[in-house]
Amino acid sequence: MNTEPPSRDPNRAFVDATEPLPDRRHPYRLPEEFYRAIALPMVVTACTKDRMPLLVGEAAELVVGALTDQACRFGISVCGYCVMPDHIHLVITQELPEAEFMKFMRHFKSEAARRINAAGLCAGKFRWQRTYWDKFVEGDGSLAAAVQYVLENPVRRGLCERADDWPHSAVLALDDP
């Protein structure tokens, strides 16, 4: 399978639009150019260190604040998110070709941890797992389906009866191409 970065031609998202994206079953990153050149939404999952259930109450709200601030700073549009006790799901798109997804993730995770620790939550030792998972969303109607899947996460985990009941999730921008 071709893992070369896509063409830089702004009129084409891929070198060959019929060729599927690489199937990655691990969190290792693709080359940064790949993220910049593909104008597709992504589902991203970041977990707390050792999957500790620390993202509750005020800590979850601090994560959402850091998310919105850093997304604005780095040209990332957050379509939807769901903060679970031990991880966060994001559905995002890059607003600008020069948006830096990997830099956004570094700064988002760092700022969220800084805010949680500064508030004295988690004994001042909150940490994320070092890496995160990302997957490109492809196909008609896929963006709405990805956001719905993310929002249903607390229902699947048995934390609430309906997705609307979960206090730490939202749809922010949903313009499905």
N, C-alpha and C. Protein backbone atom coordinates (compact mmCIF):
# COMPACT_ATOMS: atom_id res chain seq x y z
N MET A 1 0.84 -1.18 0.00
CA MET A 1 0.00 0.00 0.00
C MET A 1 0.88 1.24 0.00
N ASN A 2 0.49 2.24 -0.72
CA ASN A 2 1.25 3.49 -0.82
C ASN A 2 1.07 4.32 0.44
N THR A 3 2.17 4.62 1.13
CA THR A 3 2.10 5.47 2.32
C THR A 3 2.78 6.81 2.08
N GLU A 4 3.03 7.13 0.81
CA GLU A 4 3.61 8.42 0.47
C GLU A 4 2.61 9.53 0.78
N PRO A 5 3.09 10.71 1.19
CA PRO A 5 2.16 11.82 1.41
C PRO A 5 1.43 12.16 0.13
N PRO A 6 0.19 12.63 0.23
CA PRO A 6 -0.56 12.97 -0.97
C PRO A 6 0.05 14.16 -1.69
N SER A 7 -0.39 14.38 -2.89
CA SER A 7 0.07 15.48 -3.71
C SER A 7 -0.18 16.82 -3.03
N ARG A 8 0.66 17.80 -3.29
CA ARG A 8 0.47 19.14 -2.75
C ARG A 8 -0.47 19.97 -3.62
N ASP A 9 -0.96 19.40 -4.71
CA ASP A 9 -1.88 20.09 -5.60
C ASP A 9 -3.14 20.45 -4.80
N PRO A 10 -3.44 21.76 -4.61
CA PRO A 10 -4.57 22.15 -3.78
C PRO A 10 -5.92 21.74 -4.34
N ASN A 11 -5.97 21.38 -5.62
CA ASN A 11 -7.23 20.95 -6.22
C ASN A 11 -7.52 19.47 -6.02
N ARG A 12 -6.57 18.74 -5.47
CA ARG A 12 -6.75 17.31 -5.25
C ARG A 12 -6.37 16.96 -3.83
N ALA A 13 -7.20 16.19 -3.16
CA ALA A 13 -6.91 15.79 -1.78
C ALA A 13 -5.94 14.61 -1.73
N PHE A 14 -5.92 13.76 -2.76
CA PHE A 14 -5.09 12.57 -2.78
C PHE A 14 -4.32 12.49 -4.08
N VAL A 15 -3.24 11.72 -4.06
CA VAL A 15 -2.54 11.41 -5.29
C VAL A 15 -3.49 10.63 -6.19
N ASP A 16 -4.16 9.64 -5.63
CA ASP A 16 -5.14 8.85 -6.35
C ASP A 16 -6.37 8.75 -5.45
N ALA A 17 -7.42 9.45 -5.80
CA ALA A 17 -8.61 9.52 -4.95
C ALA A 17 -9.28 8.16 -4.77
N THR A 18 -8.97 7.19 -5.63
CA THR A 18 -9.58 5.87 -5.50
C THR A 18 -8.79 4.98 -4.54
N GLU A 19 -7.60 5.41 -4.17
CA GLU A 19 -6.77 4.60 -3.29
C GLU A 19 -7.15 4.87 -1.83
N PRO A 20 -7.40 3.82 -1.05
CA PRO A 20 -7.80 4.04 0.35
C PRO A 20 -6.63 4.55 1.18
N LEU A 21 -6.98 5.20 2.28
CA LEU A 21 -5.95 5.65 3.22
C LEU A 21 -5.32 4.44 3.88
N PRO A 22 -4.08 4.58 4.36
CA PRO A 22 -3.44 3.45 5.04
C PRO A 22 -4.26 3.00 6.25
N ASP A 23 -4.35 1.69 6.45
CA ASP A 23 -5.04 1.14 7.61
C ASP A 23 -4.01 1.00 8.72
N ARG A 24 -4.17 1.78 9.76
CA ARG A 24 -3.20 1.75 10.86
C ARG A 24 -3.88 1.19 12.09
N ARG A 25 -3.35 0.14 12.63
CA ARG A 25 -3.92 -0.48 13.82
C ARG A 25 -3.05 -0.16 15.03
N HIS A 26 -2.36 0.94 14.98
CA HIS A 26 -1.52 1.40 16.08
C HIS A 26 -1.53 2.92 16.07
N PRO A 27 -1.13 3.55 17.17
CA PRO A 27 -1.23 5.01 17.24
C PRO A 27 -0.08 5.77 16.61
N TYR A 28 0.83 5.10 15.93
CA TYR A 28 1.98 5.81 15.40
C TYR A 28 1.57 6.77 14.29
N ARG A 29 2.17 7.91 14.29
CA ARG A 29 1.77 9.00 13.39
C ARG A 29 2.23 8.76 11.96
N LEU A 30 1.42 9.27 11.06
CA LEU A 30 1.82 9.38 9.66
C LEU A 30 2.73 10.59 9.56
N PRO A 31 3.44 10.76 8.45
CA PRO A 31 4.25 11.97 8.29
C PRO A 31 3.37 13.22 8.38
N GLU A 32 3.90 14.28 8.96
CA GLU A 32 3.12 15.50 9.20
C GLU A 32 2.51 16.05 7.92
N GLU A 33 3.22 15.91 6.79
CA GLU A 33 2.70 16.42 5.52
C GLU A 33 1.39 15.74 5.13
N PHE A 34 1.25 14.49 5.52
CA PHE A 34 0.05 13.73 5.21
C PHE A 34 -1.16 14.40 5.85
N TYR A 35 -1.03 14.80 7.12
CA TYR A 35 -2.13 15.45 7.83
C TYR A 35 -2.48 16.80 7.20
N ARG A 36 -1.49 17.54 6.79
CA ARG A 36 -1.73 18.85 6.20
C ARG A 36 -2.42 18.77 4.85
N ALA A 37 -2.05 17.77 4.06
CA ALA A 37 -2.53 17.69 2.68
C ALA A 37 -3.93 17.10 2.56
N ILE A 38 -4.36 16.36 3.55
CA ILE A 38 -5.66 15.71 3.46
C ILE A 38 -6.69 16.56 4.18
N ALA A 39 -7.68 17.02 3.44
CA ALA A 39 -8.73 17.85 4.02
C ALA A 39 -9.90 16.98 4.44
N LEU A 40 -9.64 15.99 5.26
CA LEU A 40 -10.69 15.11 5.75
C LEU A 40 -10.83 15.26 7.25
N PRO A 41 -12.03 15.10 7.77
CA PRO A 41 -12.19 15.11 9.23
C PRO A 41 -11.46 13.92 9.84
N MET A 42 -11.17 14.04 11.11
CA MET A 42 -10.50 12.97 11.85
C MET A 42 -11.24 12.70 13.15
N VAL A 43 -11.26 11.45 13.56
CA VAL A 43 -11.68 11.08 14.91
C VAL A 43 -10.40 10.83 15.68
N VAL A 44 -10.28 11.48 16.83
CA VAL A 44 -9.07 11.37 17.64
C VAL A 44 -9.48 10.91 19.04
N THR A 45 -8.70 10.00 19.61
CA THR A 45 -8.93 9.55 20.98
C THR A 45 -7.64 9.69 21.76
N ALA A 46 -7.71 10.40 22.89
CA ALA A 46 -6.56 10.56 23.79
C ALA A 46 -6.99 10.04 25.16
N CYS A 47 -6.14 9.24 25.77
CA CYS A 47 -6.45 8.61 27.06
C CYS A 47 -5.62 9.19 28.18
N THR A 48 -6.15 9.12 29.39
CA THR A 48 -5.39 9.53 30.56
C THR A 48 -4.31 8.48 30.82
N LYS A 49 -3.27 8.89 31.52
CA LYS A 49 -2.19 7.97 31.87
C LYS A 49 -2.77 6.80 32.66
N ASP A 50 -2.43 5.60 32.24
CA ASP A 50 -2.90 4.36 32.86
C ASP A 50 -4.42 4.24 32.87
N ARG A 51 -5.08 4.99 31.99
CA ARG A 51 -6.56 4.97 31.87
C ARG A 51 -7.25 5.24 33.20
N MET A 52 -6.63 6.11 34.00
CA MET A 52 -7.23 6.49 35.28
C MET A 52 -8.47 7.35 35.03
N PRO A 53 -9.59 7.07 35.72
CA PRO A 53 -10.83 7.82 35.49
C PRO A 53 -10.82 9.18 36.22
N LEU A 54 -10.06 10.12 35.68
CA LEU A 54 -9.85 11.41 36.33
C LEU A 54 -10.60 12.57 35.68
N LEU A 55 -11.16 12.35 34.49
CA LEU A 55 -11.81 13.44 33.76
C LEU A 55 -13.29 13.52 34.11
N VAL A 56 -13.56 13.91 35.34
CA VAL A 56 -14.94 14.06 35.82
C VAL A 56 -15.10 15.45 36.41
N GLY A 57 -16.33 15.93 36.41
CA GLY A 57 -16.64 17.22 37.03
C GLY A 57 -15.81 18.36 36.48
N GLU A 58 -15.16 19.08 37.39
CA GLU A 58 -14.38 20.26 37.01
C GLU A 58 -13.23 19.91 36.06
N ALA A 59 -12.61 18.76 36.24
CA ALA A 59 -11.50 18.37 35.36
C ALA A 59 -12.00 18.24 33.92
N ALA A 60 -13.18 17.68 33.72
CA ALA A 60 -13.73 17.55 32.36
C ALA A 60 -13.99 18.93 31.76
N GLU A 61 -14.50 19.85 32.56
CA GLU A 61 -14.76 21.21 32.07
C GLU A 61 -13.46 21.93 31.70
N LEU A 62 -12.41 21.71 32.47
CA LEU A 62 -11.11 22.31 32.16
C LEU A 62 -10.55 21.75 30.84
N VAL A 63 -10.78 20.48 30.59
CA VAL A 63 -10.34 19.86 29.33
C VAL A 63 -11.07 20.50 28.16
N VAL A 64 -12.37 20.71 28.30
CA VAL A 64 -13.16 21.34 27.23
C VAL A 64 -12.67 22.76 26.97
N GLY A 65 -12.37 23.50 28.03
CA GLY A 65 -11.84 24.86 27.87
C GLY A 65 -10.52 24.87 27.13
N ALA A 66 -9.62 23.95 27.49
CA ALA A 66 -8.33 23.85 26.80
C ALA A 66 -8.53 23.44 25.35
N LEU A 67 -9.47 22.55 25.10
CA LEU A 67 -9.75 22.10 23.74
C LEU A 67 -10.19 23.27 22.86
N THR A 68 -11.17 24.03 23.30
CA THR A 68 -11.68 25.12 22.47
C THR A 68 -10.63 26.21 22.27
N ASP A 69 -9.86 26.51 23.31
CA ASP A 69 -8.81 27.54 23.19
C ASP A 69 -7.73 27.12 22.20
N GLN A 70 -7.24 25.90 22.32
CA GLN A 70 -6.15 25.45 21.46
C GLN A 70 -6.63 25.20 20.03
N ALA A 71 -7.87 24.75 19.86
CA ALA A 71 -8.40 24.56 18.51
C ALA A 71 -8.45 25.89 17.78
N CYS A 72 -8.89 26.92 18.46
CA CYS A 72 -8.94 28.26 17.86
C CYS A 72 -7.53 28.73 17.52
N ARG A 73 -6.61 28.50 18.41
CA ARG A 73 -5.22 28.94 18.22
C ARG A 73 -4.56 28.27 17.02
N PHE A 74 -4.88 27.00 16.76
CA PHE A 74 -4.19 26.23 15.72
C PHE A 74 -5.01 26.00 14.45
N GLY A 75 -6.15 26.66 14.30
CA GLY A 75 -6.93 26.52 13.07
C GLY A 75 -7.61 25.18 12.93
N ILE A 76 -8.05 24.61 14.05
CA ILE A 76 -8.73 23.33 14.06
C ILE A 76 -10.20 23.57 14.37
N SER A 77 -11.09 22.97 13.60
CA SER A 77 -12.53 23.07 13.87
C SER A 77 -12.96 21.80 14.59
N VAL A 78 -13.53 21.97 15.78
CA VAL A 78 -14.03 20.83 16.55
C VAL A 78 -15.49 20.61 16.17
N CYS A 79 -15.75 19.51 15.48
CA CYS A 79 -17.12 19.19 15.07
C CYS A 79 -17.92 18.64 16.24
N GLY A 80 -17.27 17.86 17.06
CA GLY A 80 -17.92 17.28 18.24
C GLY A 80 -16.87 16.68 19.15
N TYR A 81 -17.25 16.49 20.41
CA TYR A 81 -16.34 15.88 21.38
C TYR A 81 -17.15 15.16 22.45
N CYS A 82 -16.48 14.26 23.15
CA CYS A 82 -17.07 13.59 24.30
C CYS A 82 -15.93 13.30 25.28
N VAL A 83 -16.02 13.91 26.46
CA VAL A 83 -15.03 13.67 27.51
C VAL A 83 -15.57 12.55 28.39
N MET A 84 -14.88 11.44 28.37
CA MET A 84 -15.21 10.28 29.20
C MET A 84 -14.31 10.32 30.43
N PRO A 85 -14.60 9.53 31.46
CA PRO A 85 -13.76 9.59 32.67
C PRO A 85 -12.27 9.31 32.43
N ASP A 86 -11.95 8.46 31.45
CA ASP A 86 -10.54 8.11 31.25
C ASP A 86 -10.00 8.43 29.85
N HIS A 87 -10.80 9.12 29.03
CA HIS A 87 -10.32 9.49 27.69
C HIS A 87 -11.24 10.56 27.09
N ILE A 88 -10.79 11.11 25.98
CA ILE A 88 -11.61 12.06 25.23
C ILE A 88 -11.64 11.64 23.77
N HIS A 89 -12.82 11.77 23.17
CA HIS A 89 -12.99 11.57 21.73
C HIS A 89 -13.22 12.93 21.10
N LEU A 90 -12.57 13.18 19.98
CA LEU A 90 -12.74 14.42 19.23
C LEU A 90 -13.07 14.07 17.79
N VAL A 91 -13.91 14.87 17.18
CA VAL A 91 -14.09 14.81 15.73
C VAL A 91 -13.71 16.20 15.26
N ILE A 92 -12.63 16.28 14.48
CA ILE A 92 -12.07 17.58 14.11
C ILE A 92 -11.80 17.66 12.62
N THR A 93 -11.69 18.89 12.14
CA THR A 93 -11.22 19.14 10.78
C THR A 93 -10.20 20.27 10.86
N GLN A 94 -9.32 20.30 9.89
CA GLN A 94 -8.34 21.39 9.80
C GLN A 94 -8.95 22.49 8.95
N GLU A 95 -9.08 23.68 9.51
CA GLU A 95 -9.70 24.79 8.80
C GLU A 95 -8.80 25.34 7.70
N LEU A 96 -7.50 25.30 7.91
CA LEU A 96 -6.55 25.88 6.97
C LEU A 96 -5.52 24.84 6.58
N PRO A 97 -4.98 24.92 5.35
CA PRO A 97 -3.95 23.95 4.95
C PRO A 97 -2.72 24.00 5.85
N GLU A 98 -2.44 25.17 6.42
CA GLU A 98 -1.26 25.28 7.28
C GLU A 98 -1.54 24.91 8.74
N ALA A 99 -2.77 24.49 9.04
CA ALA A 99 -3.09 24.05 10.40
C ALA A 99 -2.17 22.90 10.77
N GLU A 100 -1.72 22.88 11.99
CA GLU A 100 -0.76 21.87 12.44
C GLU A 100 -1.42 20.95 13.45
N PHE A 101 -1.99 19.86 12.95
CA PHE A 101 -2.73 18.93 13.79
C PHE A 101 -1.89 18.38 14.95
N MET A 102 -0.69 17.91 14.64
CA MET A 102 0.13 17.29 15.68
C MET A 102 0.54 18.31 16.74
N LYS A 103 0.83 19.52 16.31
CA LYS A 103 1.17 20.58 17.26
C LYS A 103 -0.06 20.93 18.11
N PHE A 104 -1.22 20.98 17.48
CA PHE A 104 -2.47 21.21 18.21
C PHE A 104 -2.64 20.16 19.31
N MET A 105 -2.47 18.89 18.97
CA MET A 105 -2.66 17.83 19.97
C MET A 105 -1.67 17.96 21.12
N ARG A 106 -0.42 18.26 20.81
CA ARG A 106 0.58 18.45 21.88
C ARG A 106 0.16 19.58 22.81
N HIS A 107 -0.21 20.71 22.23
CA HIS A 107 -0.57 21.87 23.04
C HIS A 107 -1.89 21.67 23.78
N PHE A 108 -2.85 21.04 23.15
CA PHE A 108 -4.12 20.76 23.81
C PHE A 108 -3.90 19.89 25.05
N LYS A 109 -3.20 18.78 24.88
CA LYS A 109 -2.98 17.88 26.00
C LYS A 109 -2.16 18.55 27.11
N SER A 110 -1.15 19.30 26.72
CA SER A 110 -0.32 20.00 27.70
C SER A 110 -1.13 21.04 28.47
N GLU A 111 -1.92 21.83 27.75
CA GLU A 111 -2.70 22.89 28.40
C GLU A 111 -3.80 22.30 29.29
N ALA A 112 -4.44 21.24 28.85
CA ALA A 112 -5.46 20.60 29.69
C ALA A 112 -4.84 20.08 30.98
N ALA A 113 -3.69 19.42 30.87
CA ALA A 113 -3.01 18.91 32.07
C ALA A 113 -2.58 20.06 32.98
N ARG A 114 -2.06 21.14 32.40
CA ARG A 114 -1.64 22.29 33.19
C ARG A 114 -2.81 22.87 33.98
N ARG A 115 -3.96 23.01 33.31
CA ARG A 115 -5.15 23.58 33.98
C ARG A 115 -5.66 22.68 35.10
N ILE A 116 -5.70 21.38 34.84
CA ILE A 116 -6.16 20.44 35.87
C ILE A 116 -5.23 20.46 37.07
N ASN A 117 -3.93 20.44 36.82
CA ASN A 117 -2.96 20.45 37.91
C ASN A 117 -2.97 21.78 38.66
N ALA A 118 -3.11 22.90 37.94
CA ALA A 118 -3.14 24.22 38.58
C ALA A 118 -4.37 24.37 39.46
N ALA A 119 -5.46 23.68 39.13
CA ALA A 119 -6.68 23.73 39.94
C ALA A 119 -6.58 22.83 41.17
N GLY A 120 -5.47 22.10 41.28
CA GLY A 120 -5.27 21.22 42.43
C GLY A 120 -6.05 19.93 42.34
N LEU A 121 -6.54 19.62 41.17
CA LEU A 121 -7.27 18.37 40.98
C LEU A 121 -6.28 17.24 40.72
N CYS A 122 -6.67 16.03 40.99
CA CYS A 122 -5.82 14.85 40.73
C CYS A 122 -4.49 14.95 41.46
N ALA A 123 -4.49 15.55 42.62
CA ALA A 123 -3.27 15.72 43.44
C ALA A 123 -2.17 16.42 42.66
N GLY A 124 -2.55 17.23 41.66
CA GLY A 124 -1.57 17.98 40.88
C GLY A 124 -0.69 17.14 39.98
N LYS A 125 -1.10 15.89 39.70
CA LYS A 125 -0.25 14.99 38.91
C LYS A 125 -0.98 14.41 37.71
N PHE A 126 -1.93 15.15 37.15
CA PHE A 126 -2.65 14.65 35.99
C PHE A 126 -1.71 14.52 34.81
N ARG A 127 -1.84 13.40 34.08
CA ARG A 127 -1.06 13.19 32.86
C ARG A 127 -1.89 12.42 31.85
N TRP A 128 -1.59 12.66 30.57
CA TRP A 128 -2.18 11.91 29.47
C TRP A 128 -1.24 10.78 29.09
N GLN A 129 -1.76 9.77 28.40
CA GLN A 129 -0.87 8.81 27.77
C GLN A 129 -0.05 9.57 26.73
N ARG A 130 1.13 9.09 26.48
CA ARG A 130 2.06 9.80 25.61
C ARG A 130 1.52 10.03 24.20
N THR A 131 0.80 9.09 23.66
CA THR A 131 0.33 9.20 22.29
C THR A 131 -1.19 9.24 22.24
N TYR A 132 -1.75 9.18 21.07
CA TYR A 132 -3.19 9.20 20.87
C TYR A 132 -3.49 8.48 19.57
N TRP A 133 -4.76 8.18 19.36
CA TRP A 133 -5.19 7.50 18.14
C TRP A 133 -5.89 8.50 17.24
N ASP A 134 -5.69 8.39 15.95
CA ASP A 134 -6.43 9.22 14.99
C ASP A 134 -6.81 8.36 13.80
N LYS A 135 -7.96 8.72 13.21
CA LYS A 135 -8.45 8.00 12.03
C LYS A 135 -9.17 9.01 11.15
N PHE A 136 -8.87 9.00 9.87
CA PHE A 136 -9.55 9.87 8.93
C PHE A 136 -10.97 9.36 8.69
N VAL A 137 -11.90 10.30 8.53
CA VAL A 137 -13.30 9.98 8.26
C VAL A 137 -13.53 10.19 6.77
N GLU A 138 -14.00 9.15 6.10
CA GLU A 138 -14.21 9.21 4.65
C GLU A 138 -15.64 8.85 4.30
N GLY A 139 -16.15 9.41 3.20
CA GLY A 139 -17.44 9.01 2.66
C GLY A 139 -18.57 9.97 2.98
N ASP A 140 -19.60 9.92 2.14
CA ASP A 140 -20.78 10.76 2.33
C ASP A 140 -21.48 10.42 3.64
N GLY A 141 -21.83 11.44 4.40
CA GLY A 141 -22.53 11.23 5.66
C GLY A 141 -21.66 10.72 6.78
N SER A 142 -20.38 10.51 6.50
CA SER A 142 -19.50 9.92 7.51
C SER A 142 -19.21 10.87 8.67
N LEU A 143 -19.14 12.16 8.40
CA LEU A 143 -18.85 13.12 9.47
C LEU A 143 -19.96 13.08 10.52
N ALA A 144 -21.21 13.16 10.09
CA ALA A 144 -22.33 13.10 11.03
C ALA A 144 -22.34 11.77 11.77
N ALA A 145 -22.05 10.68 11.08
CA ALA A 145 -22.02 9.36 11.72
C ALA A 145 -20.88 9.28 12.75
N ALA A 146 -19.73 9.86 12.43
CA ALA A 146 -18.60 9.86 13.37
C ALA A 146 -18.95 10.66 14.63
N VAL A 147 -19.56 11.82 14.45
CA VAL A 147 -19.95 12.63 15.61
C VAL A 147 -20.97 11.87 16.45
N GLN A 148 -21.97 11.26 15.81
CA GLN A 148 -22.98 10.50 16.55
C GLN A 148 -22.35 9.35 17.31
N TYR A 149 -21.41 8.66 16.69
CA TYR A 149 -20.72 7.55 17.36
C TYR A 149 -19.99 8.05 18.62
N VAL A 150 -19.30 9.18 18.49
CA VAL A 150 -18.58 9.76 19.63
C VAL A 150 -19.56 10.14 20.74
N LEU A 151 -20.67 10.76 20.38
CA LEU A 151 -21.65 11.19 21.39
C LEU A 151 -22.32 10.01 22.10
N GLU A 152 -22.42 8.87 21.43
CA GLU A 152 -23.07 7.69 22.02
C GLU A 152 -22.14 6.91 22.95
N ASN A 153 -20.88 7.30 23.04
CA ASN A 153 -19.91 6.57 23.86
C ASN A 153 -20.35 6.38 25.31
N PRO A 154 -20.85 7.40 26.00
CA PRO A 154 -21.27 7.20 27.39
C PRO A 154 -22.46 6.24 27.52
N VAL A 155 -23.32 6.19 26.51
CA VAL A 155 -24.45 5.26 26.53
C VAL A 155 -23.93 3.83 26.42
N ARG A 156 -22.99 3.61 25.48
CA ARG A 156 -22.42 2.27 25.32
C ARG A 156 -21.68 1.80 26.57
N ARG A 157 -21.09 2.75 27.30
CA ARG A 157 -20.38 2.40 28.55
C ARG A 157 -21.33 2.27 29.74
N GLY A 158 -22.61 2.57 29.55
CA GLY A 158 -23.58 2.45 30.64
C GLY A 158 -23.53 3.62 31.63
N LEU A 159 -22.99 4.75 31.20
CA LEU A 159 -22.88 5.91 32.09
C LEU A 159 -24.12 6.80 32.07
N CYS A 160 -24.94 6.65 31.04
CA CYS A 160 -26.20 7.39 30.94
C CYS A 160 -27.13 6.64 30.00
N GLU A 161 -28.40 7.02 30.03
CA GLU A 161 -29.40 6.35 29.19
C GLU A 161 -29.42 6.88 27.77
N ARG A 162 -29.23 8.20 27.62
CA ARG A 162 -29.28 8.85 26.31
C ARG A 162 -28.04 9.74 26.16
N ALA A 163 -27.57 9.88 24.95
CA ALA A 163 -26.37 10.71 24.71
C ALA A 163 -26.57 12.14 25.20
N ASP A 164 -27.79 12.66 25.04
CA ASP A 164 -28.07 14.03 25.48
C ASP A 164 -27.93 14.23 26.98
N ASP A 165 -27.96 13.14 27.75
CA ASP A 165 -27.85 13.23 29.21
C ASP A 165 -26.41 13.43 29.68
N TRP A 166 -25.44 13.14 28.83
CA TRP A 166 -24.03 13.23 29.24
C TRP A 166 -23.60 14.70 29.25
N PRO A 167 -23.09 15.21 30.38
CA PRO A 167 -22.78 16.65 30.48
C PRO A 167 -21.49 17.09 29.78
N HIS A 168 -20.64 16.16 29.39
CA HIS A 168 -19.33 16.55 28.86
C HIS A 168 -19.16 16.16 27.40
N SER A 169 -20.18 16.44 26.60
CA SER A 169 -20.09 16.20 25.16
C SER A 169 -20.92 17.25 24.45
N ALA A 170 -20.56 17.47 23.18
CA ALA A 170 -21.29 18.47 22.40
C ALA A 170 -20.99 18.34 20.93
N VAL A 171 -21.93 18.82 20.12
CA VAL A 171 -21.71 19.01 18.69
C VAL A 171 -21.47 20.50 18.52
N LEU A 172 -20.33 20.86 17.94
CA LEU A 172 -19.99 22.27 17.81
C LEU A 172 -20.10 22.79 16.38
N ALA A 173 -19.66 22.02 15.42
CA ALA A 173 -19.69 22.45 14.01
C ALA A 173 -19.84 21.22 13.15
N LEU A 174 -20.98 21.09 12.53
CA LEU A 174 -21.23 19.89 11.74
C LEU A 174 -21.70 20.26 10.36
N ASP A 175 -20.73 20.45 9.45
CA ASP A 175 -21.01 20.74 8.05
C ASP A 175 -20.53 19.56 7.24
N ASP A 176 -21.38 18.55 7.10
CA ASP A 176 -20.98 17.34 6.37
C ASP A 176 -20.92 17.65 4.88
N PRO A 177 -19.76 17.38 4.25
CA PRO A 177 -19.64 17.67 2.83
C PRO A 177 -20.54 16.80 1.98
